[in-house]
């Protein structure tokens, strides 16, 4: 019980640190030149939403790669979880 609580606390602390680090890195880049480029060229994509235009047109291949990385990571966690469960059952 204590080990599970310590693991959960550690995961929470790591997630909080990562989120804090991401927030700090994005605050400095809030007013960059690239956002103006996206706003000016949104009509080129034919989308109504700026976020949709960025994800589906400007960064489509990059977004596909990110989705594949997430898929592989999730599949790895599931496989590892099943393997560890089998070891505990024996």
Protein backbone atom coordinates (compact mmCIF):
# COMPACT_ATOMS: atom_id res chain seq x y z
CA UNK A 1 0.00 0.00 0.00
CA UNK A 2 2.77 2.42 0.95
CA UNK A 3 4.73 1.56 -2.19
CA UNK A 4 1.69 2.28 -4.39
CA UNK A 5 1.13 5.61 -2.68
CA UNK A 6 4.78 6.57 -3.10
CA UNK A 7 4.67 5.62 -6.79
CA UNK A 8 1.53 7.68 -7.34
CA UNK A 9 3.08 10.66 -5.56
CA UNK A 10 6.23 10.37 -7.67
CA UNK A 11 4.23 10.24 -10.91
CA UNK A 12 2.24 13.30 -9.83
CA UNK A 13 5.40 15.25 -8.99
CA UNK A 14 7.03 14.39 -12.33
CA UNK A 15 3.89 15.42 -14.24
CA UNK A 16 3.71 18.71 -12.32
CA UNK A 17 7.36 19.48 -13.06
CA UNK A 18 6.91 18.69 -16.75
CA UNK A 19 3.83 20.87 -17.03
CA UNK A 20 5.57 23.70 -15.22
CA UNK A 21 8.57 23.43 -17.54
CA UNK A 22 6.35 23.48 -20.62
CA UNK A 23 4.54 26.54 -19.36
CA UNK A 24 7.80 28.39 -18.80
CA UNK A 25 9.12 27.57 -22.26
CA UNK A 26 5.95 28.74 -24.02
CA UNK A 27 5.61 32.03 -22.15
CA UNK A 28 8.79 33.36 -23.75
CA UNK A 29 7.62 32.53 -27.28
CA UNK A 30 4.12 33.99 -27.09
CA UNK A 31 4.78 36.82 -29.56
CA UNK A 32 6.71 35.21 -32.36
CA UNK A 33 6.70 35.86 -36.08
CA UNK A 34 5.39 32.41 -36.95
CA UNK A 35 1.92 33.10 -35.52
CA UNK A 36 1.52 36.00 -37.94
CA UNK A 37 2.48 33.71 -40.83
CA UNK A 38 -0.18 31.17 -39.83
CA UNK A 39 -2.83 33.87 -39.51
CA UNK A 40 -2.01 35.39 -42.91
CA UNK A 41 -1.92 32.06 -44.76
CA UNK A 42 -4.89 30.35 -43.11
CA UNK A 43 -7.10 31.05 -46.13
CA UNK A 44 -4.72 28.90 -48.19
CA UNK A 45 -5.81 25.80 -46.29
CA UNK A 46 -9.55 26.27 -46.70
CA UNK A 47 -10.25 25.58 -43.03
CA UNK A 48 -12.44 27.69 -40.78
CA UNK A 49 -10.34 27.18 -37.67
CA UNK A 50 -6.71 28.29 -37.26
CA UNK A 51 -5.82 25.29 -35.08
CA UNK A 52 -7.28 22.93 -37.67
CA UNK A 53 -5.31 24.67 -40.40
CA UNK A 54 -2.05 24.23 -38.50
CA UNK A 55 -2.63 20.59 -37.59
CA UNK A 56 -4.07 19.36 -40.87
CA UNK A 57 -2.16 21.38 -43.43
CA UNK A 58 0.96 23.11 -42.16
CA UNK A 59 2.05 20.31 -39.84
CA UNK A 60 0.24 17.25 -41.18
CA UNK A 61 3.30 15.00 -41.47
CA UNK A 62 4.66 16.11 -38.12
CA UNK A 63 1.30 15.51 -36.45
CA UNK A 64 1.09 12.06 -38.03
CA UNK A 65 4.54 11.26 -36.65
CA UNK A 66 3.51 12.42 -33.18
CA UNK A 67 0.40 10.25 -33.29
CA UNK A 68 2.49 7.24 -34.29
CA UNK A 69 4.93 7.86 -31.42
CA UNK A 70 2.02 8.04 -28.97
CA UNK A 71 0.51 4.85 -30.40
CA UNK A 72 3.80 2.96 -30.03
CA UNK A 73 4.24 4.27 -26.48
CA UNK A 74 0.73 3.23 -25.46
CA UNK A 75 1.14 -0.18 -27.07
CA UNK A 76 4.45 -0.61 -25.21
CA UNK A 77 2.85 0.24 -21.87
CA UNK A 78 0.01 -2.23 -22.50
CA UNK A 79 2.41 -5.02 -23.48
CA UNK A 80 4.66 -4.29 -20.50
CA UNK A 81 1.66 -4.26 -18.17
CA UNK A 82 0.45 -7.63 -19.43
CA UNK A 83 3.95 -9.10 -19.09
CA UNK A 84 4.29 -7.87 -15.52
CA UNK A 85 0.82 -9.16 -14.66
CA UNK A 86 1.73 -12.63 -15.95
CA UNK A 87 4.86 -12.65 -13.79
CA UNK A 88 2.83 -11.70 -10.71
CA UNK A 89 0.31 -14.48 -11.41
CA UNK A 90 2.98 -17.19 -11.51
